Amino acid sequence: MFGTIVNTAAAFAGGFIGLLIKKGLSKNIEEAALKMVGLSVAIIGLNGVIGSMFKADPVTGVLKDSGALVLLLKPCWRCYNRRNFTY
């Protein structure tokens, strides 16, 4: 419970400091910081997904997957096809 309270207080403090600092940042730095945060969240999310998809069998050492990679890549493939497809 203590960790939750500390985490919540840190999030509020970080948000407040961010609001104060945001006024002094240029638009380019603000956009770059937002893109870096988005990329970090995407990488952490993919790391969690990929880490839970593959399991190594301790006896044989064979890598097994759950088939979720197809579900992970399907939205990316649809966006790629939609962008490069001419009607």
Protein backbone atom coordinates (compact mmCIF):
# COMPACT_ATOMS: atom_id res chain seq x y z
CA MET A 1 0.00 0.00 0.00
CA PHE A 2 2.88 2.36 0.77
CA GLY A 3 4.32 1.82 -2.71
CA THR A 4 1.00 2.78 -4.29
CA ILE A 5 0.85 6.00 -2.30
CA VAL A 6 4.45 6.89 -3.17
CA ASN A 7 3.83 6.10 -6.85
CA THR A 8 0.69 8.26 -6.92
CA ALA A 9 2.46 11.15 -5.19
CA ALA A 10 5.40 10.88 -7.60
CA ALA A 11 3.04 10.89 -10.59
CA PHE A 12 1.25 14.02 -9.33
CA ALA A 13 4.55 15.74 -8.53
CA GLY A 14 5.96 14.87 -11.95
CA GLY A 15 2.82 16.14 -13.65
CA PHE A 16 2.94 19.40 -11.71
CA ILE A 17 6.62 19.92 -12.50
CA GLY A 18 5.90 19.11 -16.13
CA LEU A 19 3.20 21.76 -16.26
CA LEU A 20 5.61 24.33 -14.84
CA ILE A 21 8.44 23.42 -17.22
CA LYS A 22 6.20 23.14 -20.29
CA LYS A 23 5.76 26.90 -20.45
CA GLY A 24 9.49 27.40 -20.99
CA LEU A 25 9.96 24.72 -23.67
CA SER A 26 9.91 25.36 -27.37
CA LYS A 27 7.39 23.53 -29.54
CA ASN A 28 10.12 21.38 -31.15
CA ILE A 29 11.44 20.14 -27.81
CA GLU A 30 7.92 19.46 -26.59
CA GLU A 31 7.11 17.37 -29.68
CA ALA A 32 10.42 15.48 -29.45
CA ALA A 33 9.82 14.67 -25.77
CA LEU A 34 6.30 13.44 -26.55
CA LYS A 35 7.62 11.20 -29.32
CA MET A 36 10.32 9.80 -27.02
CA VAL A 37 7.75 8.99 -24.34
CA GLY A 38 5.51 7.32 -26.92
CA LEU A 39 8.39 5.25 -28.29
CA SER A 40 9.44 4.24 -24.77
CA VAL A 41 5.92 3.10 -23.93
CA ALA A 42 5.71 1.13 -27.19
CA ILE A 43 9.06 -0.58 -26.56
CA ILE A 44 8.17 -1.47 -22.98
CA GLY A 45 4.79 -2.82 -24.12
CA LEU A 46 6.32 -4.89 -26.92
CA ASN A 47 8.93 -6.21 -24.53
CA GLY A 48 6.20 -7.43 -22.21
CA VAL A 49 4.17 -8.96 -25.01
CA ILE A 50 7.10 -10.69 -26.67
CA GLY A 51 8.45 -11.84 -23.30
CA SER A 52 5.18 -13.57 -22.50
CA MET A 53 4.73 -15.07 -25.99
CA PHE A 54 7.81 -17.26 -26.10
CA LYS A 55 8.55 -19.97 -23.57
CA ALA A 56 11.56 -22.29 -23.56
CA ASP A 57 10.97 -25.90 -22.63
CA PRO A 58 13.45 -26.60 -19.81
CA VAL A 59 13.85 -30.27 -20.74
CA THR A 60 14.39 -30.05 -24.51
CA GLY A 61 15.42 -26.41 -24.81
CA VAL A 62 12.92 -25.93 -27.63
CA LEU A 63 11.42 -22.46 -27.96
CA LYS A 64 7.62 -22.56 -28.06
CA ASP A 65 5.34 -19.71 -29.03
CA SER A 66 1.69 -19.04 -28.31
CA GLY A 67 0.88 -17.85 -31.83
CA ALA A 68 0.30 -14.31 -30.60
CA LEU A 69 2.97 -12.89 -32.90
CA VAL A 70 0.46 -13.03 -35.75
CA LEU A 71 -2.01 -11.02 -33.66
CA LEU A 72 0.73 -8.54 -32.81
CA LEU A 73 1.84 -7.98 -36.40
CA LYS A 74 -1.57 -8.02 -38.09
CA PRO A 75 -2.48 -4.35 -37.31
CA CYS A 76 0.96 -3.26 -38.54
CA TRP A 77 0.51 -5.20 -41.76
CA ARG A 78 -2.94 -3.70 -42.34
CA CYS A 79 -1.56 -0.17 -41.91
CA TYR A 80 1.31 -0.93 -44.28
CA ASN A 81 -1.02 -2.32 -46.95
CA ARG A 82 -3.48 0.53 -46.57
CA ARG A 83 -0.72 3.11 -47.03
CA ASN A 84 0.90 1.42 -50.05
CA PHE A 85 -2.21 0.17 -51.84
CA THR A 86 -3.50 2.18 -54.78
CA TYR A 87 -7.18 2.02 -55.62
